[in-house]
Amino acid sequence: MTSSSPRPPPHNSTVPSTCHPALSSPRPRVVALLDAAELSLSLRHLARREERYFTGTFMPSLSSTAVYRTLSYLDVHEPNHAPLKKLLFFLLSSRRQSVIPEFRRTFGDLFLGLESEIAKRGKADFGEANDQAAFNFLARSLLGKDPLESKLGSDGPKLVTKWVLVQLGPLLTLGLPSLLEDLVLHSVRLPAALVKSDYDKLAAFFRDSSGPVLDEAERLGISREEAVHNLLFTICFNAFGGMKFLFPGLVKWVGRAGARLHGKLAEEIVRSNGGEVTMRAMEEMPLMKSVVYEAMRIEPPVPLQYGRARRDFVVESHDAGFEIRAGELLFGYQPFATKDPRVFERAEEFVGDRFVGEGERLLKHVLWSNGPETESPTTSNKQCAGKDFVLLVARMLVVELFMRYDSFDIEVGSGPLGSSVKLTSLKRASF
């Protein structure tokens, strides 16, 4: 993150003032919340203004979404917020029976492909295969349409990635010299025209594939066209973008944990599911659930959260307080808050069984969904509408992996958009 020198925080509070990386923003200054107490309190109890702050002080051009402000950028008090969130709840509920079978089908093919690639070349890139599988799975499970049988073919992930990068260019850090990044990325808004043809192809696919959901949108008072662009944003930006970062991270942390954890996971998963993967069976896998929560804690898939204060108040850290003025933009930096050593022992380490048994009490400090893990999204809050869906698919990735394999080995590198994970071996299940 690009920042200026923060002013000394009063009362020894861990609440510095700093700058948002998008220097093209007219008011880049933010108040950062860096420990678990501050961020948890802010997300749970403060009346916050979310309009235009999904990406902080910066907002991409509305041309990126056909001039519609999508749900992520709406304040809870705006008239379209509740209907659009209801529409997403309808989508997830109406397609729930398709999620597990389509995941197993799509990611089963992914693992077969990775096995073949390892046999040929000695290693396989998980990230590239995951991108294709994630897009295909989301379209098949949530829309009932196979993109490979449409005009999109296999181009979906590439089109989405380009579209998202143009929107988030001013927020990215690609490892270039800081002055060059500030000049090339952070000081200008990339024009949506760069990816208009790509976006139009995606929109056409969603328009043709979302009939029942668009019918429900009209019943809720939302135009079909606005619904198309909200569905596209939710599935491509939020869901696909989340799986693009979360799944390689999950494989990385579980892979690094080694054979001892792998053996315990394989035993629990095979023993609990009886050969059938169901939501009920997964609820009986405490270690598997803990591993997913721990991956989300140590490397949150949504690391930055924002909200503008509606009124003056004092935000409290573990030891002190800091006065927040109405109108100041609050910036929750999860990679600090979810590694707070005052809350989590061995906070910098991946501890697979951290949330097993008594450890469940710590879930209120797992905040990746724009709210505590112990709370649920509603039409009157800004917690991720797909929170339970994200948890489900992350759990299914671990279950699918250890139903097939006893253990696996990885190589981890760094890439411009996060960790680069390559699988070097997959040891077939012996259970």
Protein backbone atom coordinates (compact mmCIF):
# COMPACT_ATOMS: atom_id res chain seq x y z
CA MET A 1 0.00 0.00 0.00
CA THR A 2 1.29 3.47 -0.85
CA SER A 3 1.14 5.75 2.16
CA SER A 4 2.40 9.01 3.54
CA SER A 5 3.93 9.19 7.00
CA PRO A 6 1.04 8.74 9.43
CA ARG A 7 0.45 11.36 12.09
CA PRO A 8 1.36 10.18 15.60
CA PRO A 9 -1.78 8.51 16.96
CA PRO A 10 -2.98 9.97 20.27
CA HIS A 11 -3.51 7.88 23.42
CA ASN A 12 -1.05 5.21 22.10
CA SER A 13 -3.79 3.92 19.81
CA THR A 14 -3.01 1.77 16.77
CA VAL A 15 -5.12 4.04 14.54
CA PRO A 16 -2.82 6.00 12.24
CA SER A 17 -3.88 8.34 9.47
CA THR A 18 -2.43 7.33 6.11
CA CYS A 19 -3.08 7.52 2.37
CA HIS A 20 -5.05 5.22 0.12
CA PRO A 21 -2.96 3.79 -2.75
CA ALA A 22 -5.19 5.35 -5.43
CA LEU A 23 -3.51 8.75 -5.66
CA SER A 24 -6.00 9.72 -8.37
CA SER A 25 -8.65 9.95 -5.64
CA PRO A 26 -9.61 13.54 -4.75
CA ARG A 27 -9.34 12.75 -0.99
CA PRO A 28 -6.91 9.83 -0.54
CA ARG A 29 -6.50 10.17 3.24
CA VAL A 30 -7.91 7.38 5.43
CA VAL A 31 -7.88 6.39 9.12
CA ALA A 32 -6.45 2.88 9.42
CA LEU A 33 -7.76 0.32 11.94
CA LEU A 34 -4.95 -2.14 12.61
CA ASP A 35 -5.86 -4.35 15.55
CA ALA A 36 -8.61 -6.92 16.04
CA ALA A 37 -10.48 -4.95 18.71
CA GLU A 38 -10.79 -1.84 16.55
CA LEU A 39 -11.80 -3.57 13.35
CA SER A 40 -14.23 -6.01 14.97
CA LEU A 41 -15.95 -3.19 16.87
CA SER A 42 -16.19 -1.05 13.75
CA LEU A 43 -17.73 -3.80 11.64
CA ARG A 44 -20.24 -4.87 14.30
CA HIS A 45 -21.42 -1.69 15.95
CA LEU A 46 -20.76 1.45 13.95
CA ALA A 47 -23.28 3.06 11.63
CA ARG A 48 -21.19 3.31 8.48
CA ARG A 49 -21.70 4.84 5.10
CA GLU A 50 -20.70 2.36 2.40
CA GLU A 51 -21.64 4.26 -0.74
CA ARG A 52 -18.73 4.36 -3.18
CA TYR A 53 -16.34 2.90 -0.60
CA PHE A 54 -16.16 -0.74 -1.66
CA THR A 55 -12.73 0.12 -3.06
CA GLY A 56 -11.87 2.91 -0.61
CA THR A 57 -11.50 6.53 -1.69
CA PHE A 58 -11.37 5.34 -5.30
CA MET A 59 -14.30 4.21 -7.43
CA PRO A 60 -13.89 2.75 -10.93
CA SER A 61 -15.73 4.42 -13.78
CA LEU A 62 -19.41 3.46 -14.02
CA SER A 63 -18.70 2.72 -17.65
CA SER A 64 -17.11 -0.49 -16.36
CA THR A 65 -20.60 -1.74 -15.44
CA ALA A 66 -22.73 -0.15 -18.17
CA VAL A 67 -23.31 2.95 -15.95
CA TYR A 68 -25.01 0.91 -13.18
CA ARG A 69 -23.79 1.27 -9.60
CA THR A 70 -23.72 -2.33 -8.47
CA LEU A 71 -24.69 -3.66 -5.05
CA SER A 72 -21.16 -3.57 -3.63
CA TYR A 73 -21.10 0.24 -4.02
CA LEU A 74 -24.57 0.92 -2.57
CA ASP A 75 -25.29 2.17 0.93
CA VAL A 76 -27.71 0.02 2.94
CA HIS A 77 -30.19 2.93 3.02
CA GLU A 78 -30.39 3.34 -0.75
CA PRO A 79 -33.64 2.00 -2.23
CA ASN A 80 -32.00 -0.59 -4.52
CA HIS A 81 -29.78 -2.14 -1.85
CA ALA A 82 -32.37 -4.44 -0.27
CA PRO A 83 -33.95 -5.64 -3.56
CA LEU A 84 -30.56 -6.40 -5.12
CA LYS A 85 -29.37 -8.30 -2.05
CA LYS A 86 -32.66 -10.22 -1.98
CA LEU A 87 -32.02 -11.13 -5.61
CA LEU A 88 -28.64 -12.63 -4.69
CA PHE A 89 -30.21 -14.57 -1.82
CA PHE A 90 -32.79 -15.88 -4.32
CA LEU A 91 -30.05 -16.92 -6.76
CA LEU A 92 -28.12 -18.82 -4.09
CA SER A 93 -31.23 -20.47 -2.66
CA SER A 94 -32.77 -21.45 -6.00
CA ARG A 95 -29.55 -23.10 -7.23
CA ARG A 96 -28.39 -24.72 -3.97
CA GLN A 97 -29.01 -28.27 -5.19
CA SER A 98 -26.58 -27.77 -8.08
CA VAL A 99 -23.60 -26.50 -6.11
CA ILE A 100 -22.12 -29.73 -4.71
CA PRO A 101 -22.57 -31.93 -7.83
CA GLU A 102 -21.25 -29.23 -10.17
CA PHE A 103 -18.29 -28.55 -7.90
CA ARG A 104 -17.36 -32.24 -7.78
CA ARG A 105 -17.74 -32.56 -11.54
CA THR A 106 -15.70 -29.46 -12.38
CA PHE A 107 -12.96 -29.76 -9.79
CA GLY A 108 -12.78 -33.51 -10.31
CA ASP A 109 -11.79 -32.71 -13.89
CA LEU A 110 -9.32 -30.12 -12.56
CA PHE A 111 -7.51 -32.69 -10.41
CA LEU A 112 -7.41 -35.24 -13.24
CA GLY A 113 -5.84 -32.60 -15.44
CA LEU A 114 -3.29 -31.69 -12.76
CA GLU A 115 -2.35 -35.37 -12.34
CA SER A 116 -1.76 -35.65 -16.06
CA GLU A 117 0.31 -32.47 -16.12
CA ILE A 118 2.48 -33.67 -13.23
CA ALA A 119 3.03 -37.01 -14.97
CA LYS A 120 4.19 -35.22 -18.13
CA ARG A 121 6.19 -32.29 -16.74
CA GLY A 122 6.83 -33.01 -13.07
CA LYS A 123 4.70 -30.09 -11.88
CA ALA A 124 1.37 -28.38 -12.63
CA ASP A 125 0.25 -24.76 -12.26
CA PHE A 126 -2.72 -24.76 -9.89
CA GLY A 127 -3.64 -21.11 -10.49
CA GLU A 128 -4.31 -21.30 -14.22
CA ALA A 129 -6.31 -24.52 -13.93
CA ASN A 130 -8.22 -23.09 -10.97
CA ASP A 131 -9.25 -19.98 -12.92
CA GLN A 132 -10.88 -22.06 -15.65
CA ALA A 133 -12.51 -24.46 -13.19
CA ALA A 134 -13.83 -21.63 -10.99
CA PHE A 135 -15.48 -19.80 -13.89
CA ASN A 136 -16.99 -22.98 -15.33
CA PHE A 137 -18.26 -24.06 -11.90
CA LEU A 138 -19.88 -20.71 -11.13
CA ALA A 139 -21.66 -20.57 -14.48
CA ARG A 140 -22.81 -24.19 -14.31
CA SER A 141 -23.93 -24.14 -10.68
CA LEU A 142 -25.49 -20.65 -10.43
CA LEU A 143 -26.75 -20.10 -13.98
CA GLY A 144 -27.24 -23.66 -15.21
CA LYS A 145 -25.21 -22.85 -18.31
CA ASP A 146 -21.90 -24.36 -19.44
CA PRO A 147 -19.73 -21.54 -20.83
CA LEU A 148 -17.72 -24.05 -22.85
CA GLU A 149 -20.87 -24.68 -24.90
CA SER A 150 -21.48 -20.96 -25.49
CA LYS A 151 -19.77 -18.28 -27.55
CA LEU A 152 -17.49 -17.59 -24.59
CA GLY A 153 -15.85 -20.99 -24.86
CA SER A 154 -12.86 -21.09 -22.53
CA ASP A 155 -12.26 -17.32 -22.70
CA GLY A 156 -14.31 -16.39 -19.61
CA PRO A 157 -11.48 -16.23 -17.04
CA LYS A 158 -9.26 -14.18 -19.34
CA LEU A 159 -12.05 -11.67 -20.08
CA VAL A 160 -12.95 -11.31 -16.40
CA THR A 161 -9.35 -10.86 -15.30
CA LYS A 162 -8.73 -8.07 -17.82
CA TRP A 163 -11.99 -6.33 -16.84
CA VAL A 164 -11.17 -6.49 -13.12
CA LEU A 165 -7.58 -5.30 -13.62
CA VAL A 166 -8.76 -2.20 -15.49
CA GLN A 167 -11.14 -1.38 -12.63
CA LEU A 168 -8.58 -1.93 -9.88
CA GLY A 169 -5.44 -0.63 -11.58
CA PRO A 170 -5.03 2.34 -9.20
CA LEU A 171 -5.13 -0.05 -6.21
CA LEU A 172 -2.66 -2.66 -7.41
CA THR A 173 0.91 -3.25 -6.33
CA LEU A 174 2.75 -5.29 -8.96
CA GLY A 175 6.25 -5.23 -7.48
CA LEU A 176 7.54 -2.43 -9.71
CA PRO A 177 9.56 0.47 -8.25
CA SER A 178 7.14 2.55 -6.16
CA LEU A 179 7.62 5.76 -8.14
CA LEU A 180 6.90 3.93 -11.40
CA GLU A 181 3.79 2.26 -9.97
CA ASP A 182 2.53 5.59 -8.61
CA LEU A 183 3.03 7.19 -12.02
CA VAL A 184 1.66 4.38 -14.21
CA LEU A 185 -1.03 2.82 -12.00
CA HIS A 186 -1.94 4.89 -8.96
CA SER A 187 -2.22 8.36 -10.52
CA VAL A 188 -4.67 7.64 -13.32
CA ARG A 189 -7.95 5.81 -13.80
CA LEU A 190 -7.66 3.30 -16.62
CA PRO A 191 -10.39 3.87 -19.24
CA ALA A 192 -13.18 1.28 -19.33
CA ALA A 193 -13.04 1.48 -23.15
CA LEU A 194 -9.95 -0.76 -22.96
CA VAL A 195 -12.14 -3.74 -22.08
CA LYS A 196 -15.56 -2.72 -23.41
CA SER A 197 -15.68 -5.47 -26.03
CA ASP A 198 -14.65 -8.06 -23.41
CA TYR A 199 -17.31 -6.83 -21.00
CA ASP A 200 -19.97 -6.88 -23.71
CA LYS A 201 -19.21 -10.56 -24.37
CA LEU A 202 -19.61 -11.37 -20.69
CA ALA A 203 -22.83 -9.35 -20.45
CA ALA A 204 -24.28 -11.18 -23.45
CA PHE A 205 -23.54 -14.52 -21.79
CA PHE A 206 -25.24 -13.45 -18.56
CA ARG A 207 -28.19 -11.97 -20.44
CA ASP A 208 -28.74 -15.26 -22.27
CA SER A 209 -28.17 -17.49 -19.22
CA SER A 210 -30.04 -15.80 -16.38
CA GLY A 211 -33.70 -16.00 -17.42
CA PRO A 212 -35.29 -17.23 -14.13
CA VAL A 213 -33.20 -14.84 -12.03
CA LEU A 214 -34.11 -11.92 -14.30
CA ASP A 215 -37.78 -12.84 -13.92
CA GLU A 216 -37.33 -12.65 -10.13
CA ALA A 217 -35.55 -9.31 -10.51
CA GLU A 218 -38.59 -7.84 -12.26
CA ARG A 219 -40.80 -9.14 -9.45
CA LEU A 220 -38.55 -7.29 -6.99
CA GLY A 221 -38.78 -4.06 -9.01
CA ILE A 222 -35.34 -4.28 -10.63
CA SER A 223 -35.00 -3.89 -14.39
CA ARG A 224 -33.70 -6.93 -16.24
CA GLU A 225 -30.73 -4.98 -17.57
CA GLU A 226 -29.68 -3.71 -14.14
CA ALA A 227 -30.00 -7.26 -12.83
CA VAL A 228 -27.75 -8.57 -15.63
CA HIS A 229 -24.92 -6.22 -14.67
CA ASN A 230 -25.32 -6.90 -10.95
CA LEU A 231 -25.23 -10.66 -11.54
CA LEU A 232 -22.16 -10.26 -13.73
CA PHE A 233 -20.41 -8.16 -11.09
CA THR A 234 -21.32 -10.51 -8.26
CA ILE A 235 -20.34 -13.73 -10.02
CA CYS A 236 -17.29 -12.44 -11.91
CA PHE A 237 -15.81 -9.73 -9.69
CA ASN A 238 -16.83 -11.05 -6.26
CA ALA A 239 -17.18 -14.84 -6.58
CA PHE A 240 -14.66 -15.60 -9.34
CA GLY A 241 -12.24 -13.00 -7.99
CA GLY A 242 -12.57 -14.54 -4.53
CA MET A 243 -11.93 -18.09 -5.76
CA LYS A 244 -9.00 -16.86 -7.86
CA PHE A 245 -7.22 -15.68 -4.68
CA LEU A 246 -8.69 -17.90 -1.95
CA PHE A 247 -8.19 -21.32 -3.54
CA PRO A 248 -4.45 -20.99 -4.34
CA GLY A 249 -3.95 -19.55 -0.86
CA LEU A 250 -5.79 -22.45 0.71
CA VAL A 251 -3.72 -24.99 -1.25
CA LYS A 252 -0.55 -23.09 -0.30
CA TRP A 253 -1.20 -23.04 3.45
CA VAL A 254 -2.45 -26.63 3.65
CA GLY A 255 0.40 -27.79 1.43
CA ARG A 256 3.01 -26.08 3.61
CA ALA A 257 1.48 -27.63 6.76
CA GLY A 258 2.82 -31.01 5.69
CA ALA A 259 1.98 -34.68 5.81
CA ARG A 260 0.93 -34.82 9.48
CA LEU A 261 -1.98 -32.42 8.96
CA HIS A 262 -2.72 -34.02 5.58
CA GLY A 263 -3.10 -37.44 7.21
CA LYS A 264 -5.48 -36.12 9.85
CA LEU A 265 -7.58 -34.34 7.23
CA ALA A 266 -7.75 -37.38 4.96
CA GLU A 267 -8.80 -39.62 7.85
CA GLU A 268 -11.48 -37.21 9.10
CA ILE A 269 -12.91 -36.54 5.65
CA VAL A 270 -13.08 -40.15 4.53
CA ARG A 271 -14.47 -41.30 7.90
CA SER A 272 -17.15 -38.59 8.06
CA ASN A 273 -18.59 -38.56 4.56
CA GLY A 274 -19.33 -42.27 4.09
CA GLY A 275 -18.49 -41.92 0.41
CA GLU A 276 -21.01 -39.11 -0.13
CA VAL A 277 -20.29 -35.38 0.05
CA THR A 278 -23.13 -33.47 1.72
CA MET A 279 -23.40 -30.27 3.73
CA ARG A 280 -24.38 -32.33 6.77
CA ALA A 281 -21.31 -34.54 6.43
CA MET A 282 -19.05 -31.49 6.15
CA GLU A 283 -20.49 -30.06 9.37
CA GLU A 284 -19.10 -33.17 11.10
CA MET A 285 -15.53 -32.36 10.03
CA PRO A 286 -14.20 -29.94 12.67
CA LEU A 287 -10.57 -30.06 11.54
CA MET A 288 -11.47 -29.44 7.90
CA LYS A 289 -13.66 -26.48 8.89
CA SER A 290 -10.90 -25.08 11.10
CA VAL A 291 -8.34 -25.33 8.30
CA VAL A 292 -10.59 -23.25 6.02
CA TYR A 293 -11.16 -20.61 8.71
CA GLU A 294 -7.43 -20.49 9.45
CA ALA A 295 -6.59 -19.91 5.78
CA MET A 296 -9.09 -17.05 5.72
CA ARG A 297 -7.62 -15.64 8.93
CA ILE A 298 -3.97 -15.69 7.98
CA GLU A 299 -4.52 -14.50 4.39
CA PRO A 300 -7.97 -12.88 4.09
CA PRO A 301 -9.38 -13.08 0.55
CA VAL A 302 -10.73 -9.54 1.03
CA PRO A 303 -7.88 -7.78 2.87
CA LEU A 304 -9.15 -4.18 2.77
CA GLN A 305 -12.46 -2.84 4.12
CA TYR A 306 -13.80 0.71 4.19
CA GLY A 307 -16.60 2.77 5.71
CA ARG A 308 -17.22 6.50 6.27
CA ALA A 309 -18.19 7.57 9.79
CA ARG A 310 -21.68 9.06 10.06
CA ARG A 311 -20.98 10.73 13.41
CA ASP A 312 -18.20 11.46 15.90
CA PHE A 313 -17.21 8.52 18.08
CA VAL A 314 -14.26 6.89 19.84
CA VAL A 315 -12.88 3.65 18.44
CA GLU A 316 -11.16 1.58 21.10
CA SER A 317 -8.11 -0.58 20.67
CA HIS A 318 -6.94 -3.07 23.30
CA ASP A 319 -5.40 -0.32 25.43
CA ALA A 320 -6.65 3.08 24.35
CA GLY A 321 -9.04 5.10 22.24
CA PHE A 322 -8.93 7.32 19.18
CA GLU A 323 -11.42 10.02 18.26
CA ILE A 324 -13.04 9.59 14.86
CA ARG A 325 -14.78 12.57 13.28
CA ALA A 326 -17.94 12.39 11.20
CA GLY A 327 -17.01 12.11 7.53
CA GLU A 328 -13.63 10.43 8.05
CA LEU A 329 -13.03 7.33 5.95
CA LEU A 330 -12.14 4.26 8.02
CA PHE A 331 -9.79 1.68 6.53
CA GLY A 332 -9.71 -1.80 8.05
CA TYR A 333 -6.46 -3.55 7.18
CA GLN A 334 -7.23 -7.21 7.81
CA PRO A 335 -3.72 -8.66 7.39
CA PHE A 336 -2.80 -6.77 10.58
CA ALA A 337 -6.07 -7.20 12.49
CA THR A 338 -6.40 -10.94 11.91
CA LYS A 339 -2.81 -11.53 13.02
CA ASP A 340 -3.25 -9.58 16.25
CA PRO A 341 -1.08 -11.40 18.84
CA ARG A 342 -3.34 -10.12 21.63
CA VAL A 343 -6.12 -12.30 20.19
CA PHE A 344 -4.37 -15.16 18.37
CA GLU A 345 -1.50 -17.17 19.83
CA ARG A 346 1.25 -17.85 17.28
CA ALA A 347 -0.58 -15.31 15.14
CA GLU A 348 1.93 -15.40 12.27
CA GLU A 349 1.72 -19.20 11.98
CA PHE A 350 -0.81 -21.37 10.15
CA VAL A 351 -2.33 -23.51 12.91
CA GLY A 352 -4.73 -25.96 11.27
CA ASP A 353 -6.71 -26.85 14.40
CA ARG A 354 -6.89 -23.29 15.78
CA PHE A 355 -10.72 -23.17 15.55
CA VAL A 356 -11.48 -26.67 16.85
CA GLY A 357 -13.42 -27.01 20.13
CA GLU A 358 -12.84 -24.02 22.41
CA GLY A 359 -11.08 -22.32 19.51
CA GLU A 360 -14.48 -21.62 17.95
CA ARG A 361 -14.79 -18.62 20.29
CA LEU A 362 -12.15 -16.89 18.13
CA LEU A 363 -14.37 -16.96 15.04
CA LYS A 364 -15.79 -13.54 15.96
CA HIS A 365 -12.36 -12.17 14.97
CA VAL A 366 -12.42 -13.75 11.49
CA LEU A 367 -13.69 -10.83 9.42
CA TRP A 368 -13.08 -11.57 5.73
CA SER A 369 -16.80 -11.25 4.85
CA ASN A 370 -17.08 -7.61 6.00
CA GLY A 371 -18.42 -8.85 9.32
CA PRO A 372 -17.64 -11.37 12.05
CA GLU A 373 -17.77 -15.04 11.09
CA THR A 374 -20.36 -15.53 13.84
CA GLU A 375 -22.89 -13.23 12.11
CA SER A 376 -24.92 -13.52 8.91
CA PRO A 377 -25.60 -11.27 5.93
CA THR A 378 -28.97 -9.52 5.76
CA THR A 379 -30.53 -6.89 3.54
CA SER A 380 -29.78 -4.29 6.23
CA ASN A 381 -26.01 -4.84 6.48
CA LYS A 382 -23.01 -4.91 4.17
CA GLN A 383 -21.80 -8.39 5.03
CA CYS A 384 -21.05 -10.47 1.93
CA ALA A 385 -24.27 -11.96 0.53
CA GLY A 386 -22.34 -15.05 -0.54
CA LYS A 387 -20.57 -15.63 2.80
CA ASP A 388 -22.01 -19.13 3.29
CA PHE A 389 -21.45 -19.98 -0.38
CA VAL A 390 -17.76 -19.03 -0.16
CA LEU A 391 -17.31 -21.14 2.97
CA LEU A 392 -19.06 -24.06 1.30
CA VAL A 393 -16.90 -24.07 -1.82
CA ALA A 394 -13.69 -23.61 0.19
CA ARG A 395 -14.64 -26.59 2.35
CA MET A 396 -15.48 -28.60 -0.75
CA LEU A 397 -12.05 -27.92 -2.22
CA VAL A 398 -10.38 -29.40 0.88
CA VAL A 399 -12.82 -32.34 0.93
CA GLU A 400 -12.36 -33.11 -2.78
CA LEU A 401 -8.60 -32.89 -2.40
CA PHE A 402 -8.39 -35.36 0.49
CA MET A 403 -11.00 -37.74 -0.84
CA ARG A 404 -8.62 -38.23 -3.76
CA TYR A 405 -5.20 -37.87 -2.16
CA ASP A 406 -3.46 -38.69 1.12
CA SER A 407 -0.98 -35.86 0.69
CA PHE A 408 0.52 -33.48 -1.85
CA ASP A 409 3.60 -31.34 -2.37
CA ILE A 410 3.84 -27.82 -3.71
CA GLU A 411 6.17 -25.10 -4.90
CA VAL A 412 5.21 -21.54 -4.00
CA GLY A 413 6.40 -18.44 -5.81
CA SER A 414 5.29 -14.83 -5.92
CA GLY A 415 3.24 -13.35 -8.73
CA PRO A 416 1.86 -9.90 -9.53
CA LEU A 417 -1.57 -10.86 -8.16
CA GLY A 418 -0.60 -13.03 -5.20
CA SER A 419 1.03 -16.40 -4.61
CA SER A 420 1.91 -18.67 -7.51
CA VAL A 421 1.28 -22.30 -6.53
CA LYS A 422 2.52 -25.31 -8.44
CA LEU A 423 1.73 -28.89 -7.46
CA THR A 424 4.72 -31.23 -7.70
CA SER A 425 3.10 -34.45 -6.44
CA LEU A 426 -0.33 -35.86 -5.63
CA LYS A 427 -0.26 -39.04 -3.54
CA ARG A 428 -3.33 -41.13 -4.27
CA ALA A 429 -5.67 -41.93 -1.36
CA SER A 430 -5.04 -45.18 0.49
CA PHE A 431 -8.14 -45.04 2.72
